[in-house]
């Protein structure tokens, strides 16, 4: 594994960033997962400070514990089942992945941890000139679409009969570009820019976020991303209409993660 620029950038008793590999050195998912486990064990033992692994993955689909068969690729593309929350997603070139491995007070407030990651990514997008937000009941960072009444109809049907939500047997994976998650922007629907899925073991977090910087978003069209049928996916480059690279985004993500995670008042979950 090699770094994109500075390599390890430790901060004494603060959040340490480790850049594992990007571009031609993008990291195999299983290799990164093993590294997560190693760092997690070291953090639990207080051998290292809170650590965020940053990387780009080789192309891969991963499925969280709640993934259903109806959300997986139809063509037999391999999927790695993992121990994080959430459902199925894609990782690959043009997507910045971060795995914050952080010790939290017990009982762990998982929702608060997710909100902090969202906040850091929302601030990152804002620095590039893109307004993003949260969507109630759906984790991650979103670009909001137009009000439903103002969106173009799907297949000549009025949007009060969207088959993706009104027909239990409708399968968006079989219905081409008209319903493809990568075309949500053209349909002026909500689209997810960053996904979040985590796991907490022994009070220490694992897994984390993926931020679509400039990937080929059609890779999401083989699946039902995050199990959400009535929205899609987006990237910073597409939304802003200009070239943006992982190298551009990396220091900005580090800055906002450091600010949010180091300055947060960590409290146990109320019981």
Protein backbone atom coordinates (compact mmCIF):
# COMPACT_ATOMS: atom_id res chain seq x y z
CA UNK A 1 0.00 0.00 0.00
CA UNK A 2 1.33 3.41 -0.90
CA UNK A 3 0.21 6.91 -0.06
CA UNK A 4 -1.07 9.54 -2.48
CA UNK A 5 1.04 12.29 -0.98
CA UNK A 6 2.10 12.64 2.65
CA UNK A 7 1.52 9.12 3.91
CA UNK A 8 0.81 8.97 7.64
CA UNK A 9 0.01 12.38 9.15
CA UNK A 10 -0.16 11.72 12.90
CA UNK A 11 -1.37 14.23 15.42
CA UNK A 12 -0.27 13.58 19.02
CA UNK A 13 -3.28 12.48 21.03
CA UNK A 14 -5.52 13.51 18.15
CA UNK A 15 -6.94 11.96 15.02
CA UNK A 16 -4.32 10.23 12.88
CA UNK A 17 -4.81 9.85 9.13
CA UNK A 18 -3.29 6.96 7.20
CA UNK A 19 -3.49 7.03 3.40
CA UNK A 20 -3.47 3.45 2.19
CA UNK A 21 -3.51 3.75 -1.60
CA UNK A 22 -5.06 5.57 -4.54
CA UNK A 23 -5.18 5.37 -8.34
CA UNK A 24 -2.85 2.65 -9.58
CA UNK A 25 -2.30 1.69 -5.93
CA UNK A 26 -6.02 1.37 -5.11
CA UNK A 27 -6.56 -1.16 -2.34
CA UNK A 28 -8.22 -4.55 -2.60
CA UNK A 29 -11.27 -4.60 -0.33
CA UNK A 30 -10.32 -7.73 1.59
CA UNK A 31 -6.84 -6.33 2.22
CA UNK A 32 -8.29 -3.08 3.58
CA UNK A 33 -10.78 -4.98 5.72
CA UNK A 34 -7.93 -6.95 7.28
CA UNK A 35 -6.05 -3.71 7.94
CA UNK A 36 -9.16 -2.28 9.61
CA UNK A 37 -9.28 -5.24 11.96
CA UNK A 38 -5.61 -4.80 12.82
CA UNK A 39 -6.00 -1.10 13.54
CA UNK A 40 -9.22 -1.73 15.47
CA UNK A 41 -7.46 -4.18 17.79
CA UNK A 42 -4.61 -1.71 18.35
CA UNK A 43 -7.04 1.11 19.10
CA UNK A 44 -9.00 -1.02 21.56
CA UNK A 45 -5.72 -1.79 23.35
CA UNK A 46 -4.86 1.94 23.43
CA UNK A 47 -1.68 1.26 21.46
CA UNK A 48 -2.55 3.94 18.89
CA UNK A 49 -4.76 7.07 18.79
CA UNK A 50 -8.03 7.32 16.90
CA UNK A 51 -7.14 6.58 13.29
CA UNK A 52 -8.86 7.23 9.97
CA UNK A 53 -7.83 5.09 7.01
CA UNK A 54 -8.29 6.88 3.67
CA UNK A 55 -8.13 5.07 0.36
CA UNK A 56 -9.57 4.25 -3.02
CA UNK A 57 -10.79 0.70 -3.61
CA UNK A 58 -10.41 -1.55 -6.59
CA UNK A 59 -13.94 -2.09 -8.06
CA UNK A 60 -16.11 -4.14 -5.71
CA UNK A 61 -19.66 -4.58 -4.48
CA UNK A 62 -20.10 -5.00 -0.73
CA UNK A 63 -23.27 -5.94 1.12
CA UNK A 64 -24.13 -4.99 4.68
CA UNK A 65 -26.08 -7.23 7.00
CA UNK A 66 -29.53 -6.05 5.88
CA UNK A 67 -29.01 -6.58 2.15
CA UNK A 68 -31.77 -8.53 0.37
CA UNK A 69 -31.30 -10.82 -2.62
CA UNK A 70 -33.51 -8.52 -4.72
CA UNK A 71 -30.91 -5.74 -4.32
CA UNK A 72 -27.86 -7.67 -5.56
CA UNK A 73 -26.50 -7.80 -9.15
CA UNK A 74 -28.55 -9.98 -11.49
CA UNK A 75 -25.58 -11.03 -13.63
CA UNK A 76 -23.71 -12.94 -10.96
CA UNK A 77 -21.15 -10.20 -10.29
CA UNK A 78 -19.39 -11.18 -7.03
CA UNK A 79 -20.45 -9.41 -3.85
CA UNK A 80 -18.48 -9.39 -0.59
CA UNK A 81 -20.73 -9.72 2.46
CA UNK A 82 -19.42 -7.61 5.32
CA UNK A 83 -20.19 -7.05 8.99
CA UNK A 84 -21.21 -3.38 8.74
CA UNK A 85 -24.67 -1.91 8.92
CA UNK A 86 -26.59 -0.79 5.86
CA UNK A 87 -27.16 -2.58 2.59
CA UNK A 88 -25.37 -3.07 -0.72
CA UNK A 89 -23.10 -0.50 -2.37
CA UNK A 90 -20.25 -0.19 -4.84
CA UNK A 91 -16.69 0.98 -4.27
CA UNK A 92 -14.16 1.79 -6.94
CA UNK A 93 -12.10 4.35 -8.86
CA UNK A 94 -13.11 7.96 -8.30
CA UNK A 95 -14.59 7.30 -4.87
CA UNK A 96 -12.88 8.40 -1.67
CA UNK A 97 -13.37 5.88 1.14
CA UNK A 98 -12.74 6.64 4.79
CA UNK A 99 -12.66 4.23 7.73
CA UNK A 100 -12.55 6.20 11.02
CA UNK A 101 -11.51 3.81 13.78
CA UNK A 102 -12.40 5.71 16.91
CA UNK A 103 -12.93 4.76 20.55
CA UNK A 104 -16.26 6.05 21.88
CA UNK A 105 -17.75 6.08 25.39
CA UNK A 106 -20.12 3.22 26.18
CA UNK A 107 -22.95 2.65 25.63
CA UNK A 108 -22.00 3.88 22.18
CA UNK A 109 -24.23 6.47 20.52
CA UNK A 110 -24.05 5.11 16.98
CA UNK A 111 -26.45 7.68 15.54
CA UNK A 112 -24.34 10.55 16.88
CA UNK A 113 -21.24 9.04 15.24
CA UNK A 114 -23.04 8.81 11.89
CA UNK A 115 -24.24 12.42 12.21
CA UNK A 116 -20.65 13.57 12.80
CA UNK A 117 -19.42 11.83 9.66
CA UNK A 118 -22.27 13.36 7.68
CA UNK A 119 -21.41 16.80 9.02
CA UNK A 120 -17.77 16.54 7.97
CA UNK A 121 -18.78 15.49 4.45
CA UNK A 122 -21.45 18.18 4.15
CA UNK A 123 -18.80 20.77 5.04
CA UNK A 124 -16.44 19.25 2.49
CA UNK A 125 -19.00 19.53 -0.30
CA UNK A 126 -19.80 23.11 0.71
CA UNK A 127 -16.14 24.05 0.35
CA UNK A 128 -16.32 22.97 -3.29
CA UNK A 129 -19.51 24.98 -3.81
CA UNK A 130 -22.09 22.19 -3.61
CA UNK A 131 -24.99 22.36 -1.16
CA UNK A 132 -25.81 18.97 0.34
CA UNK A 133 -27.96 17.84 3.22
CA UNK A 134 -29.35 14.94 5.22
CA UNK A 135 -32.58 13.13 4.36
CA UNK A 136 -34.77 12.04 7.25
CA UNK A 137 -34.61 8.28 7.73
CA UNK A 138 -31.80 7.83 5.19
CA UNK A 139 -28.18 8.04 6.30
CA UNK A 140 -25.51 9.66 4.17
CA UNK A 141 -25.13 12.96 2.36
CA UNK A 142 -27.65 13.95 -0.29
CA UNK A 143 -28.30 16.37 -3.11
CA UNK A 144 -32.00 17.16 -3.01
CA UNK A 145 -34.10 16.90 -6.14
CA UNK A 146 -37.02 19.01 -7.23
CA UNK A 147 -40.40 18.72 -5.51
CA UNK A 148 -42.19 15.62 -6.80
CA UNK A 149 -44.79 17.67 -8.69
CA UNK A 150 -42.05 19.44 -10.68
CA UNK A 151 -40.15 16.33 -11.80
CA UNK A 152 -40.50 14.81 -15.28
CA UNK A 153 -42.79 11.79 -15.46
CA UNK A 154 -41.37 8.28 -15.65
CA UNK A 155 -42.32 6.37 -18.80
CA UNK A 156 -45.29 8.63 -19.38
CA UNK A 157 -46.73 7.74 -15.99
CA UNK A 158 -47.67 10.34 -13.44
CA UNK A 159 -45.39 10.36 -10.43
CA UNK A 160 -48.22 9.44 -8.10
CA UNK A 161 -47.83 5.97 -9.63
CA UNK A 162 -44.09 5.55 -9.54
CA UNK A 163 -43.69 1.80 -10.23
CA UNK A 164 -40.55 1.62 -8.12
CA UNK A 165 -42.61 2.21 -5.00
CA UNK A 166 -46.15 1.31 -6.07
CA UNK A 167 -45.48 -2.08 -7.67
CA UNK A 168 -43.94 -4.68 -5.36
CA UNK A 169 -42.77 -6.76 -8.33
CA UNK A 170 -41.10 -3.90 -10.20
CA UNK A 171 -37.35 -4.40 -10.50
CA UNK A 172 -35.35 -1.25 -11.40
CA UNK A 173 -32.32 -3.40 -12.30
CA UNK A 174 -34.26 -4.75 -15.32
CA UNK A 175 -35.70 -1.51 -16.64
CA UNK A 176 -32.78 0.28 -18.22
CA UNK A 177 -31.55 3.85 -18.08
CA UNK A 178 -34.98 5.36 -17.46
CA UNK A 179 -34.89 4.01 -13.90
CA UNK A 180 -31.12 3.74 -13.45
CA UNK A 181 -29.76 5.20 -10.17
CA UNK A 182 -27.02 6.98 -12.15
CA UNK A 183 -29.65 9.03 -14.01
CA UNK A 184 -31.40 10.41 -10.93
CA UNK A 185 -30.00 13.86 -11.62
CA UNK A 186 -31.64 13.91 -15.05
CA UNK A 187 -34.91 12.93 -13.40
CA UNK A 188 -34.31 15.72 -10.85
CA UNK A 189 -34.69 13.26 -7.96
CA UNK A 190 -32.84 13.06 -4.65
CA UNK A 191 -29.44 11.47 -5.12
CA UNK A 192 -26.88 10.22 -2.64
CA UNK A 193 -23.40 11.68 -2.85
CA UNK A 194 -21.88 9.90 0.15
CA UNK A 195 -22.88 6.63 1.80
CA UNK A 196 -22.22 5.67 5.41
CA UNK A 197 -22.18 2.22 6.96
CA UNK A 198 -20.46 1.40 10.24
CA UNK A 199 -19.91 -1.25 12.84
CA UNK A 200 -19.01 -0.80 16.51
CA UNK A 201 -17.19 -3.56 18.38
CA UNK A 202 -15.86 -3.23 21.93
CA UNK A 203 -16.68 0.47 21.83
CA UNK A 204 -14.49 1.11 18.77
CA UNK A 205 -15.89 2.03 15.36
CA UNK A 206 -15.11 0.34 12.04
CA UNK A 207 -16.07 0.88 8.41
CA UNK A 208 -17.23 4.40 7.59
CA UNK A 209 -18.05 6.44 4.49
CA UNK A 210 -17.63 6.56 0.73
CA UNK A 211 -17.72 9.91 -1.08
CA UNK A 212 -18.34 9.90 -4.83
CA UNK A 213 -15.80 12.33 -6.23
CA UNK A 214 -15.63 11.43 -9.94
CA UNK A 215 -16.53 7.72 -10.34
CA UNK A 216 -18.41 6.08 -13.18
CA UNK A 217 -21.77 6.06 -11.39
CA UNK A 218 -23.24 3.54 -13.84
CA UNK A 219 -21.54 0.92 -11.66
CA UNK A 220 -24.45 1.48 -9.24
CA UNK A 221 -27.00 0.53 -11.90
CA UNK A 222 -26.42 -3.22 -11.41
CA UNK A 223 -27.76 -3.03 -7.84
CA UNK A 224 -30.34 -1.23 -5.74
CA UNK A 225 -27.88 1.10 -3.98
CA UNK A 226 -28.38 1.08 -0.23
CA UNK A 227 -31.71 -0.67 -0.88
CA UNK A 228 -33.30 2.65 -1.94
CA UNK A 229 -35.45 2.35 -5.06
CA UNK A 230 -36.89 5.84 -5.43
CA UNK A 231 -33.65 7.85 -5.45
CA UNK A 232 -30.24 7.61 -7.07
CA UNK A 233 -26.56 8.44 -6.83
CA UNK A 234 -24.42 11.46 -7.68
CA UNK A 235 -20.82 12.63 -7.77
CA UNK A 236 -19.12 15.91 -6.96
CA UNK A 237 -17.79 16.24 -10.49
CA UNK A 238 -21.16 15.66 -12.16
CA UNK A 239 -23.07 17.93 -9.82
CA UNK A 240 -20.59 20.78 -10.20
CA UNK A 241 -19.97 20.24 -13.90
CA UNK A 242 -16.20 20.34 -13.64
CA UNK A 243 -13.29 18.00 -13.08
CA UNK A 244 -12.57 17.23 -9.45
CA UNK A 245 -10.10 14.57 -8.37
CA UNK A 246 -9.45 12.51 -5.28
CA UNK A 247 -6.24 14.50 -4.77
CA UNK A 248 -8.31 17.72 -4.72
CA UNK A 249 -10.77 16.40 -2.15
CA UNK A 250 -8.45 14.48 0.16
CA UNK A 251 -6.98 17.39 2.17
CA UNK A 252 -10.41 19.01 2.48
CA UNK A 253 -11.95 15.81 3.86
CA UNK A 254 -9.06 15.45 6.31
CA UNK A 255 -9.52 19.03 7.50
CA UNK A 256 -13.23 18.68 8.19
CA UNK A 257 -13.00 15.21 9.69
CA UNK A 258 -10.32 16.46 12.05
CA UNK A 259 -12.38 19.51 13.01
CA UNK A 260 -15.61 17.59 13.58
CA UNK A 261 -14.25 14.44 15.22
CA UNK A 262 -11.60 16.07 17.41
CA UNK A 263 -13.86 18.86 18.66
CA UNK A 264 -16.96 16.75 19.30
CA UNK A 265 -18.08 16.27 22.87
CA UNK A 266 -18.32 12.50 23.01
CA UNK A 267 -21.16 11.36 25.23
CA UNK A 268 -22.51 7.88 25.90
CA UNK A 269 -25.91 7.00 24.50
CA UNK A 270 -28.72 7.88 26.88
CA UNK A 271 -30.32 4.77 28.38
